Amino acid sequence: MGLISNGTTLLDAGALDSGVATGAMTLLSTSTASSSANLTFASGINSTYKEYVFKFIDIHPQTNGKHFQVNFRDGSSAYDATKTTTMFYAYHDESGGTPDLAFVGSDVVAQSTDAARINTGQGSDNDESCVGTLHLYDPSSTTFVKHFQSNIAYTDSSGTPNAINVFVSGYCNVTAAIDGVQFSFNSGNIDSGTIKMYGIK
């Protein structure tokens, strides 16, 4: 028996109709750091996909206590799209004490062309890295602002590692299409790590 919605067959005898969007992630690009100033995705961001997902895998900073950050290109050669963000984190240390859940006002931007921080004070010990995702929605729209969200887990730079989970959301306050995304630390290189870019239709 088929599954029909509003006169359209969606599922018949266990087979999904070819016209139904599956939401599957398609790997578009992989960039790996080796003492790199930044990891940049300068192509492949277009109207083909309504959502782009960036996966951060073991991003390790060259310098202790630096902030992982993102910026966006809106049609020019510069990564300087105007942005506003908000950030909060959940925090817990190895001793089991001092848990915290807080807004991080010092690390947000308001109508700024500067890079937007997506974590705070990351540790650079040999066994420390950050992992997570950033979602960019409908970057090719020329009608709406471009929303993005990130969720990153890492250990901080205090010397006694603490588990931190940082949530950032914001928007590029432009109606021009976003066609490039760049990741970096606010100082020092990305010592190692991989970022994968996926498209979702």
N, C-alpha and C. Protein backbone atom coordinates (compact mmCIF):
# COMPACT_ATOMS: atom_id res chain seq x y z
N MET A 1 0.84 -1.18 0.00
CA MET A 1 0.00 0.00 0.00
C MET A 1 0.88 1.24 0.00
N GLY A 2 0.60 2.18 -0.86
CA GLY A 2 1.41 3.38 -0.97
C GLY A 2 1.04 4.43 0.04
N LEU A 3 1.98 5.30 0.33
CA LEU A 3 1.76 6.46 1.20
C LEU A 3 1.54 7.67 0.29
N ILE A 4 0.35 8.27 0.42
CA ILE A 4 -0.02 9.37 -0.46
C ILE A 4 -0.32 10.60 0.38
N SER A 5 0.19 11.76 -0.02
CA SER A 5 -0.07 13.03 0.65
C SER A 5 -0.51 14.05 -0.38
N ASN A 6 -1.69 14.62 -0.17
CA ASN A 6 -2.22 15.67 -1.06
C ASN A 6 -2.19 15.23 -2.53
N GLY A 7 -2.54 13.97 -2.75
CA GLY A 7 -2.62 13.45 -4.12
C GLY A 7 -1.29 13.02 -4.72
N THR A 8 -0.19 13.14 -3.95
CA THR A 8 1.13 12.76 -4.45
C THR A 8 1.62 11.51 -3.75
N THR A 9 2.05 10.51 -4.52
CA THR A 9 2.59 9.29 -3.95
C THR A 9 4.00 9.56 -3.42
N LEU A 10 4.19 9.36 -2.11
CA LEU A 10 5.50 9.55 -1.49
C LEU A 10 6.25 8.24 -1.36
N LEU A 11 5.55 7.19 -1.04
CA LEU A 11 6.17 5.89 -0.79
C LEU A 11 5.27 4.82 -1.36
N ASP A 12 5.85 3.94 -2.17
CA ASP A 12 5.06 2.88 -2.77
C ASP A 12 5.85 1.58 -2.75
N ALA A 13 5.28 0.55 -2.10
CA ALA A 13 5.93 -0.76 -1.99
C ALA A 13 7.35 -0.63 -1.41
N GLY A 14 7.51 0.30 -0.45
CA GLY A 14 8.79 0.46 0.23
C GLY A 14 9.79 1.33 -0.49
N ALA A 15 9.44 1.82 -1.69
CA ALA A 15 10.37 2.66 -2.46
C ALA A 15 9.96 4.13 -2.34
N LEU A 16 10.93 4.99 -2.08
CA LEU A 16 10.70 6.43 -1.95
C LEU A 16 10.68 7.06 -3.34
N ASP A 17 9.67 7.86 -3.59
CA ASP A 17 9.56 8.55 -4.87
C ASP A 17 10.79 9.42 -5.11
N SER A 18 11.28 9.48 -6.34
CA SER A 18 12.51 10.23 -6.66
C SER A 18 12.36 11.73 -6.47
N GLY A 19 11.13 12.22 -6.47
CA GLY A 19 10.91 13.65 -6.30
C GLY A 19 10.86 14.11 -4.86
N VAL A 20 10.95 13.17 -3.91
CA VAL A 20 10.88 13.52 -2.49
C VAL A 20 12.28 13.82 -1.98
N ALA A 21 12.44 14.99 -1.35
CA ALA A 21 13.74 15.35 -0.77
C ALA A 21 14.08 14.43 0.38
N THR A 22 15.30 13.93 0.41
CA THR A 22 15.71 12.99 1.46
C THR A 22 16.46 13.67 2.58
N GLY A 23 17.00 14.88 2.36
CA GLY A 23 17.78 15.55 3.38
C GLY A 23 19.15 14.94 3.58
N ALA A 24 19.58 14.09 2.66
CA ALA A 24 20.88 13.43 2.80
C ALA A 24 22.01 14.43 2.71
N MET A 25 23.06 14.19 3.49
CA MET A 25 24.24 15.04 3.45
C MET A 25 25.18 14.57 2.35
N THR A 26 25.64 15.51 1.54
CA THR A 26 26.59 15.20 0.47
C THR A 26 27.91 15.86 0.79
N LEU A 27 28.98 15.07 0.91
CA LEU A 27 30.30 15.63 1.17
C LEU A 27 30.77 16.38 -0.06
N LEU A 28 31.10 17.68 0.13
CA LEU A 28 31.50 18.53 -0.99
C LEU A 28 32.99 18.84 -0.98
N SER A 29 33.58 18.97 0.21
CA SER A 29 34.97 19.40 0.27
C SER A 29 35.56 19.05 1.62
N THR A 30 36.88 18.77 1.63
CA THR A 30 37.62 18.49 2.86
C THR A 30 38.87 19.34 2.87
N SER A 31 39.12 20.01 3.98
CA SER A 31 40.32 20.84 4.11
C SER A 31 41.05 20.45 5.39
N THR A 32 42.34 20.17 5.27
CA THR A 32 43.15 19.72 6.41
C THR A 32 44.27 20.71 6.69
N ALA A 33 44.40 21.08 7.95
CA ALA A 33 45.39 22.08 8.36
C ALA A 33 46.74 21.43 8.63
N SER A 34 47.79 22.18 8.33
CA SER A 34 49.16 21.84 8.71
C SER A 34 49.88 23.15 8.96
N SER A 35 49.77 23.64 10.20
CA SER A 35 50.27 24.96 10.57
C SER A 35 49.74 26.01 9.59
N SER A 36 48.42 26.03 9.44
CA SER A 36 47.74 26.87 8.45
C SER A 36 47.18 28.12 9.11
N ALA A 37 47.30 29.25 8.43
CA ALA A 37 46.73 30.50 8.95
C ALA A 37 45.21 30.40 9.03
N ASN A 38 44.60 29.68 8.08
CA ASN A 38 43.16 29.49 8.08
C ASN A 38 42.81 28.28 7.22
N LEU A 39 41.57 27.85 7.34
CA LEU A 39 40.99 26.86 6.43
C LEU A 39 39.81 27.55 5.75
N THR A 40 39.89 27.65 4.42
CA THR A 40 38.94 28.46 3.66
C THR A 40 38.19 27.61 2.65
N PHE A 41 36.88 27.84 2.58
CA PHE A 41 36.02 27.18 1.59
C PHE A 41 35.55 28.28 0.64
N ALA A 42 36.27 28.43 -0.47
CA ALA A 42 36.06 29.56 -1.39
C ALA A 42 35.26 29.17 -2.62
N SER A 43 34.85 27.92 -2.73
CA SER A 43 34.03 27.49 -3.86
C SER A 43 33.06 26.42 -3.39
N GLY A 44 32.04 26.18 -4.19
CA GLY A 44 31.08 25.13 -3.87
C GLY A 44 29.91 25.58 -3.03
N ILE A 45 29.90 26.84 -2.60
CA ILE A 45 28.77 27.36 -1.82
C ILE A 45 27.89 28.16 -2.77
N ASN A 46 26.75 27.59 -3.13
CA ASN A 46 25.88 28.20 -4.14
C ASN A 46 24.45 27.74 -3.92
N SER A 47 23.59 27.98 -4.89
CA SER A 47 22.17 27.69 -4.74
C SER A 47 21.84 26.20 -4.88
N THR A 48 22.82 25.36 -5.11
CA THR A 48 22.57 23.92 -5.23
C THR A 48 21.99 23.36 -3.94
N TYR A 49 22.46 23.87 -2.80
CA TYR A 49 22.02 23.36 -1.50
C TYR A 49 21.45 24.50 -0.66
N LYS A 50 20.41 24.18 0.10
CA LYS A 50 19.78 25.17 0.99
C LYS A 50 20.47 25.26 2.34
N GLU A 51 21.26 24.24 2.68
CA GLU A 51 21.97 24.23 3.96
C GLU A 51 23.35 23.64 3.75
N TYR A 52 24.34 24.25 4.39
CA TYR A 52 25.71 23.74 4.38
C TYR A 52 26.12 23.43 5.82
N VAL A 53 26.77 22.28 6.00
CA VAL A 53 27.21 21.85 7.32
C VAL A 53 28.72 21.66 7.29
N PHE A 54 29.40 22.28 8.25
CA PHE A 54 30.85 22.16 8.39
C PHE A 54 31.13 21.34 9.64
N LYS A 55 31.90 20.25 9.48
CA LYS A 55 32.26 19.37 10.59
C LYS A 55 33.71 19.63 10.98
N PHE A 56 33.94 19.95 12.26
CA PHE A 56 35.28 20.20 12.77
C PHE A 56 35.78 18.93 13.44
N ILE A 57 36.94 18.45 13.01
CA ILE A 57 37.50 17.20 13.52
C ILE A 57 38.90 17.48 14.07
N ASP A 58 39.03 17.43 15.39
CA ASP A 58 40.31 17.58 16.09
C ASP A 58 41.08 18.84 15.65
N ILE A 59 40.44 19.99 15.76
CA ILE A 59 41.10 21.26 15.44
C ILE A 59 42.00 21.65 16.60
N HIS A 60 43.30 21.74 16.32
CA HIS A 60 44.31 21.98 17.37
C HIS A 60 45.00 23.31 17.11
N PRO A 61 44.99 24.23 18.10
CA PRO A 61 45.63 25.53 17.90
C PRO A 61 47.14 25.47 18.11
N GLN A 62 47.82 26.37 17.44
CA GLN A 62 49.27 26.51 17.63
C GLN A 62 49.58 27.16 18.98
N THR A 63 48.68 28.06 19.42
CA THR A 63 48.92 28.89 20.60
C THR A 63 47.82 28.67 21.62
N ASN A 64 48.20 28.59 22.90
CA ASN A 64 47.24 28.32 23.96
C ASN A 64 46.29 29.51 24.19
N GLY A 65 45.06 29.18 24.56
CA GLY A 65 44.11 30.21 24.99
C GLY A 65 43.52 31.03 23.88
N LYS A 66 43.56 30.55 22.64
CA LYS A 66 43.03 31.33 21.52
C LYS A 66 41.61 30.88 21.17
N HIS A 67 40.94 31.71 20.38
CA HIS A 67 39.53 31.51 20.06
C HIS A 67 39.38 31.07 18.61
N PHE A 68 38.68 29.96 18.41
CA PHE A 68 38.33 29.52 17.05
C PHE A 68 37.23 30.43 16.54
N GLN A 69 37.30 30.81 15.26
CA GLN A 69 36.38 31.83 14.74
C GLN A 69 36.04 31.58 13.28
N VAL A 70 34.99 32.28 12.82
CA VAL A 70 34.51 32.12 11.45
C VAL A 70 34.23 33.49 10.85
N ASN A 71 34.41 33.58 9.53
CA ASN A 71 33.98 34.77 8.81
C ASN A 71 33.44 34.35 7.45
N PHE A 72 32.72 35.25 6.81
CA PHE A 72 31.97 34.94 5.60
C PHE A 72 32.25 35.95 4.50
N ARG A 73 32.25 35.48 3.27
CA ARG A 73 32.44 36.34 2.10
C ARG A 73 31.10 36.54 1.40
N ASP A 74 30.80 37.80 1.08
CA ASP A 74 29.49 38.10 0.47
C ASP A 74 29.64 38.71 -0.92
N GLY A 75 30.46 38.07 -1.74
CA GLY A 75 30.55 38.45 -3.14
C GLY A 75 31.81 39.18 -3.53
N SER A 76 32.52 39.77 -2.55
CA SER A 76 33.78 40.43 -2.85
C SER A 76 34.91 39.42 -2.65
N SER A 77 36.13 39.90 -2.53
CA SER A 77 37.26 39.00 -2.26
C SER A 77 37.56 38.88 -0.77
N ALA A 78 36.92 39.73 0.04
CA ALA A 78 37.21 39.77 1.47
C ALA A 78 36.21 38.95 2.28
N TYR A 79 36.68 38.40 3.39
CA TYR A 79 35.83 37.68 4.34
C TYR A 79 35.46 38.68 5.44
N ASP A 80 34.40 39.43 5.20
CA ASP A 80 34.08 40.54 6.09
C ASP A 80 32.58 40.87 6.09
N ALA A 81 31.73 39.87 5.89
CA ALA A 81 30.29 40.12 5.93
C ALA A 81 29.89 40.61 7.32
N THR A 82 29.00 41.57 7.38
CA THR A 82 28.54 42.13 8.65
C THR A 82 27.72 41.09 9.41
N LYS A 83 28.07 40.89 10.71
CA LYS A 83 27.47 39.82 11.51
C LYS A 83 27.05 40.30 12.89
N THR A 84 26.04 39.62 13.44
CA THR A 84 25.66 39.74 14.84
C THR A 84 25.51 38.32 15.39
N THR A 85 26.04 38.08 16.60
CA THR A 85 26.00 36.73 17.18
C THR A 85 25.59 36.77 18.65
N THR A 86 25.24 35.61 19.15
CA THR A 86 25.07 35.39 20.58
C THR A 86 25.76 34.07 20.93
N MET A 87 26.17 33.92 22.21
CA MET A 87 26.94 32.74 22.62
C MET A 87 26.62 32.39 24.07
N PHE A 88 26.49 31.08 24.33
CA PHE A 88 26.48 30.62 25.72
C PHE A 88 27.22 29.30 25.80
N TYR A 89 27.67 28.96 27.01
CA TYR A 89 28.39 27.71 27.18
C TYR A 89 27.95 26.98 28.44
N ALA A 90 28.14 25.65 28.41
CA ALA A 90 28.05 24.79 29.59
C ALA A 90 29.46 24.34 29.93
N TYR A 91 29.78 24.31 31.24
CA TYR A 91 31.17 24.15 31.68
C TYR A 91 31.20 23.23 32.89
N HIS A 92 32.21 22.33 32.94
CA HIS A 92 32.40 21.47 34.10
C HIS A 92 33.86 21.06 34.18
N ASP A 93 34.47 21.16 35.38
CA ASP A 93 35.89 20.83 35.49
C ASP A 93 36.11 19.39 35.94
N GLU A 94 37.38 18.92 35.82
CA GLU A 94 37.69 17.52 36.09
C GLU A 94 37.49 17.13 37.55
N SER A 95 37.54 18.10 38.45
CA SER A 95 37.36 17.79 39.87
C SER A 95 35.90 17.55 40.24
N GLY A 96 35.01 17.85 39.31
CA GLY A 96 33.58 17.68 39.57
C GLY A 96 32.93 18.92 40.14
N GLY A 97 33.72 19.96 40.36
CA GLY A 97 33.19 21.19 40.92
C GLY A 97 33.04 22.29 39.89
N THR A 98 32.53 23.40 40.32
CA THR A 98 32.40 24.63 39.54
C THR A 98 31.68 24.47 38.21
N PRO A 99 30.55 23.79 38.18
CA PRO A 99 29.80 23.77 36.93
C PRO A 99 29.22 25.15 36.63
N ASP A 100 28.97 25.42 35.36
CA ASP A 100 28.46 26.74 35.00
C ASP A 100 27.67 26.65 33.70
N LEU A 101 26.70 27.52 33.56
CA LEU A 101 25.95 27.70 32.32
C LEU A 101 25.77 29.20 32.18
N ALA A 102 26.36 29.79 31.13
CA ALA A 102 26.42 31.25 31.10
C ALA A 102 26.42 31.81 29.69
N PHE A 103 25.86 33.01 29.56
CA PHE A 103 26.01 33.82 28.37
C PHE A 103 27.42 34.39 28.36
N VAL A 104 28.07 34.42 27.18
CA VAL A 104 29.45 34.90 27.07
C VAL A 104 29.44 36.21 26.29
N GLY A 105 29.18 37.30 26.99
CA GLY A 105 29.04 38.59 26.34
C GLY A 105 30.32 39.15 25.76
N SER A 106 31.46 38.72 26.29
CA SER A 106 32.74 39.26 25.83
C SER A 106 33.16 38.70 24.48
N ASP A 107 32.52 37.63 24.03
CA ASP A 107 32.95 36.96 22.80
C ASP A 107 31.93 37.04 21.67
N VAL A 108 30.97 37.94 21.77
CA VAL A 108 29.98 38.08 20.70
C VAL A 108 30.29 39.34 19.88
N VAL A 109 29.67 39.42 18.71
CA VAL A 109 29.83 40.60 17.86
C VAL A 109 28.45 41.19 17.56
N ALA A 110 28.43 42.50 17.29
CA ALA A 110 27.18 43.19 16.96
C ALA A 110 27.44 44.10 15.76
N GLN A 111 26.86 43.74 14.64
CA GLN A 111 27.03 44.50 13.39
C GLN A 111 28.51 44.74 13.09
N SER A 112 29.27 43.65 13.16
CA SER A 112 30.72 43.73 12.99
C SER A 112 31.16 42.97 11.75
N THR A 113 32.21 43.47 11.10
CA THR A 113 32.82 42.75 9.99
C THR A 113 33.97 41.86 10.46
N ASP A 114 34.29 41.93 11.76
CA ASP A 114 35.33 41.06 12.33
C ASP A 114 34.86 39.61 12.31
N ALA A 115 35.82 38.68 12.41
CA ALA A 115 35.46 37.27 12.54
C ALA A 115 34.66 37.06 13.81
N ALA A 116 33.73 36.12 13.77
CA ALA A 116 32.89 35.79 14.92
C ALA A 116 33.48 34.60 15.65
N ARG A 117 33.70 34.75 16.95
CA ARG A 117 34.24 33.64 17.75
C ARG A 117 33.18 32.56 17.92
N ILE A 118 33.63 31.30 17.78
CA ILE A 118 32.71 30.18 17.97
C ILE A 118 33.19 29.23 19.07
N ASN A 119 34.28 29.59 19.75
CA ASN A 119 34.61 29.01 21.05
C ASN A 119 35.41 30.03 21.85
N THR A 120 35.81 29.67 23.06
CA THR A 120 36.54 30.59 23.92
C THR A 120 37.77 29.91 24.49
N GLY A 121 38.89 30.59 24.49
CA GLY A 121 40.10 30.14 25.18
C GLY A 121 40.44 28.68 25.10
N GLN A 122 40.68 28.17 23.90
CA GLN A 122 40.94 26.73 23.72
C GLN A 122 42.35 26.35 24.14
N GLY A 123 42.48 25.17 24.75
CA GLY A 123 43.79 24.66 25.15
C GLY A 123 44.59 24.14 23.97
N SER A 124 45.94 24.23 24.09
CA SER A 124 46.81 23.79 23.01
C SER A 124 47.73 22.65 23.40
N ASP A 125 47.49 22.00 24.56
CA ASP A 125 48.28 20.82 24.93
C ASP A 125 48.19 19.78 23.81
N ASN A 126 49.17 18.89 23.75
CA ASN A 126 49.23 17.93 22.65
C ASN A 126 47.97 17.08 22.51
N ASP A 127 47.26 16.85 23.64
CA ASP A 127 46.08 15.99 23.58
C ASP A 127 44.77 16.80 23.55
N GLU A 128 44.85 18.10 23.30
CA GLU A 128 43.65 18.94 23.31
C GLU A 128 43.26 19.38 21.89
N SER A 129 41.96 19.38 21.64
CA SER A 129 41.45 19.82 20.34
C SER A 129 39.99 20.23 20.52
N CYS A 130 39.41 20.76 19.46
CA CYS A 130 37.97 21.02 19.48
C CYS A 130 37.30 20.24 18.35
N VAL A 131 36.04 19.89 18.59
CA VAL A 131 35.23 19.18 17.60
C VAL A 131 33.85 19.83 17.57
N GLY A 132 33.13 19.67 16.47
CA GLY A 132 31.79 20.22 16.43
C GLY A 132 31.29 20.47 15.03
N THR A 133 30.26 21.31 14.93
CA THR A 133 29.63 21.60 13.65
C THR A 133 29.22 23.06 13.56
N LEU A 134 29.12 23.55 12.33
CA LEU A 134 28.51 24.84 12.04
C LEU A 134 27.56 24.65 10.87
N HIS A 135 26.33 25.16 11.01
CA HIS A 135 25.32 25.11 9.97
C HIS A 135 25.13 26.51 9.39
N LEU A 136 25.13 26.61 8.08
CA LEU A 136 24.86 27.85 7.36
C LEU A 136 23.64 27.62 6.49
N TYR A 137 22.62 28.50 6.64
CA TYR A 137 21.34 28.27 6.00
C TYR A 137 21.12 29.19 4.80
N ASP A 138 20.71 28.60 3.69
CA ASP A 138 20.31 29.30 2.47
C ASP A 138 21.25 30.44 2.10
N PRO A 139 22.54 30.15 1.94
CA PRO A 139 23.51 31.22 1.72
C PRO A 139 23.34 31.96 0.41
N SER A 140 22.65 31.38 -0.55
CA SER A 140 22.50 32.04 -1.85
C SER A 140 21.27 32.94 -1.94
N SER A 141 20.48 33.00 -0.88
CA SER A 141 19.31 33.87 -0.89
C SER A 141 19.75 35.32 -1.06
N THR A 142 19.04 36.05 -1.90
CA THR A 142 19.28 37.49 -2.02
C THR A 142 18.10 38.28 -1.45
N THR A 143 17.28 37.58 -0.66
CA THR A 143 16.13 38.21 0.00
C THR A 143 16.35 38.34 1.51
N PHE A 144 16.86 37.27 2.14
CA PHE A 144 16.94 37.22 3.59
C PHE A 144 18.37 37.31 4.10
N VAL A 145 18.52 37.67 5.39
CA VAL A 145 19.82 37.57 6.05
C VAL A 145 20.20 36.10 6.13
N LYS A 146 21.48 35.81 6.39
CA LYS A 146 21.99 34.43 6.35
C LYS A 146 22.27 33.95 7.78
N HIS A 147 21.44 33.06 8.28
CA HIS A 147 21.58 32.56 9.65
C HIS A 147 22.62 31.44 9.70
N PHE A 148 23.30 31.35 10.84
CA PHE A 148 24.22 30.24 11.10
C PHE A 148 24.18 29.88 12.57
N GLN A 149 24.53 28.61 12.87
CA GLN A 149 24.57 28.10 14.23
C GLN A 149 25.78 27.17 14.36
N SER A 150 26.42 27.19 15.52
CA SER A 150 27.51 26.25 15.75
C SER A 150 27.40 25.65 17.15
N ASN A 151 27.96 24.45 17.28
CA ASN A 151 28.03 23.74 18.56
C ASN A 151 29.40 23.08 18.62
N ILE A 152 30.22 23.50 19.58
CA ILE A 152 31.61 23.02 19.65
C ILE A 152 31.92 22.53 21.06
N ALA A 153 32.60 21.38 21.14
CA ALA A 153 33.09 20.83 22.40
C ALA A 153 34.62 20.88 22.40
N TYR A 154 35.19 21.22 23.57
CA TYR A 154 36.65 21.31 23.66
C TYR A 154 37.07 21.38 25.12
N THR A 155 38.37 21.32 25.36
CA THR A 155 38.93 21.56 26.69
C THR A 155 39.58 22.93 26.69
N ASP A 156 39.47 23.64 27.81
CA ASP A 156 39.95 25.01 27.83
C ASP A 156 41.44 25.09 28.16
N SER A 157 41.94 26.32 28.30
CA SER A 157 43.39 26.56 28.42
C SER A 157 43.83 26.77 29.85
N SER A 158 43.06 26.30 30.83
CA SER A 158 43.35 26.62 32.23
C SER A 158 44.51 25.82 32.82
N GLY A 159 44.95 24.76 32.16
CA GLY A 159 46.00 23.90 32.70
C GLY A 159 45.42 22.67 33.36
N THR A 160 44.27 22.82 34.03
CA THR A 160 43.49 21.69 34.51
C THR A 160 42.29 21.60 33.60
N PRO A 161 42.30 20.69 32.63
CA PRO A 161 41.29 20.72 31.57
C PRO A 161 39.86 20.71 32.10
N ASN A 162 39.02 21.46 31.45
CA ASN A 162 37.61 21.54 31.74
C ASN A 162 36.83 21.23 30.47
N ALA A 163 35.76 20.50 30.62
CA ALA A 163 34.89 20.20 29.49
C ALA A 163 33.98 21.39 29.25
N ILE A 164 33.98 21.88 28.01
CA ILE A 164 33.15 23.03 27.65
C ILE A 164 32.38 22.71 26.38
N ASN A 165 31.12 23.08 26.38
CA ASN A 165 30.27 22.96 25.20
C ASN A 165 29.74 24.35 24.89
N VAL A 166 30.12 24.90 23.74
CA VAL A 166 29.76 26.27 23.37
C VAL A 166 28.74 26.27 22.24
N PHE A 167 27.71 27.06 22.41
CA PHE A 167 26.66 27.22 21.40
C PHE A 167 26.67 28.67 20.90
N VAL A 168 26.76 28.84 19.59
CA VAL A 168 26.75 30.17 18.98
C VAL A 168 25.67 30.19 17.90
N SER A 169 24.94 31.27 17.83
CA SER A 169 24.06 31.50 16.69
C SER A 169 24.17 32.95 16.28
N GLY A 170 23.86 33.21 15.02
CA GLY A 170 23.95 34.57 14.53
C GLY A 170 23.50 34.65 13.10
N TYR A 171 23.71 35.81 12.51
CA TYR A 171 23.34 36.00 11.12
C TYR A 171 24.28 36.99 10.46
N CYS A 172 24.50 36.79 9.17
CA CYS A 172 25.17 37.78 8.34
C CYS A 172 24.09 38.75 7.88
N ASN A 173 24.22 40.00 8.26
CA ASN A 173 23.18 40.99 7.99
C ASN A 173 23.37 41.59 6.59
N VAL A 174 23.29 40.69 5.61
CA VAL A 174 23.42 41.10 4.20
C VAL A 174 22.38 40.35 3.39
N THR A 175 21.91 40.95 2.31
CA THR A 175 21.03 40.23 1.39
C THR A 175 21.81 39.68 0.20
N ALA A 176 23.07 40.08 0.06
CA ALA A 176 23.93 39.48 -0.96
C ALA A 176 24.19 38.02 -0.60
N ALA A 177 24.43 37.19 -1.60
CA ALA A 177 24.72 35.78 -1.36
C ALA A 177 26.05 35.62 -0.64
N ILE A 178 26.10 34.67 0.28
CA ILE A 178 27.35 34.26 0.91
C ILE A 178 27.95 33.16 0.04
N ASP A 179 29.20 33.37 -0.42
CA ASP A 179 29.81 32.40 -1.33
C ASP A 179 31.16 31.89 -0.85
N GLY A 180 31.53 32.20 0.40
CA GLY A 180 32.78 31.69 0.95
C GLY A 180 32.74 31.72 2.47
N VAL A 181 33.42 30.76 3.10
CA VAL A 181 33.48 30.66 4.56
C VAL A 181 34.92 30.39 4.96
N GLN A 182 35.40 31.09 5.99
CA GLN A 182 36.79 30.97 6.42
C GLN A 182 36.86 30.76 7.93
N PHE A 183 37.67 29.79 8.34
CA PHE A 183 37.87 29.47 9.75
C PHE A 183 39.32 29.74 10.13
N SER A 184 39.52 30.25 11.35
CA SER A 184 40.87 30.57 11.82
C SER A 184 40.85 30.68 13.34
N PHE A 185 42.01 30.87 13.94
CA PHE A 185 42.09 31.29 15.34
C PHE A 185 42.36 32.79 15.37
N ASN A 186 41.99 33.44 16.47
CA ASN A 186 42.17 34.89 16.54
C ASN A 186 43.64 35.29 16.62
N SER A 187 44.52 34.33 16.89
CA SER A 187 45.97 34.55 16.86
C SER A 187 46.65 33.20 16.72
N GLY A 188 47.71 33.15 15.94
CA GLY A 188 48.40 31.88 15.73
C GLY A 188 47.70 31.01 14.70
N ASN A 189 48.39 30.00 14.24
CA ASN A 189 47.89 29.13 13.17
C ASN A 189 46.99 28.02 13.70
N ILE A 190 46.31 27.38 12.77
CA ILE A 190 45.65 26.10 13.05
C ILE A 190 46.74 25.05 12.88
N ASP A 191 47.20 24.49 13.98
CA ASP A 191 48.33 23.56 13.94
C ASP A 191 47.97 22.30 13.17
N SER A 192 46.77 21.76 13.42
CA SER A 192 46.33 20.56 12.72
C SER A 192 44.81 20.45 12.87
N GLY A 193 44.24 19.53 12.10
CA GLY A 193 42.79 19.32 12.15
C GLY A 193 42.19 19.33 10.76
N THR A 194 40.95 18.88 10.68
CA THR A 194 40.24 18.73 9.42
C THR A 194 38.85 19.35 9.53
N ILE A 195 38.43 20.03 8.46
CA ILE A 195 37.06 20.51 8.35
C ILE A 195 36.45 19.93 7.08
N LYS A 196 35.26 19.35 7.21
CA LYS A 196 34.54 18.80 6.06
C LYS A 196 33.29 19.64 5.82
N MET A 197 33.03 19.97 4.56
CA MET A 197 31.84 20.73 4.18
C MET A 197 30.86 19.81 3.46
N TYR A 198 29.61 19.79 3.95
CA TYR A 198 28.54 18.99 3.39
C TYR A 198 27.42 19.90 2.89
N GLY A 199 26.71 19.48 1.87
CA GLY A 199 25.52 20.16 1.41
C GLY A 199 24.29 19.32 1.71
N ILE A 200 23.19 19.99 2.06
CA ILE A 200 21.92 19.31 2.30
C ILE A 200 20.86 19.96 1.44
N LYS A 201 20.19 19.19 0.61
CA LYS A 201 19.12 19.73 -0.25
C LYS A 201 17.80 19.76 0.51
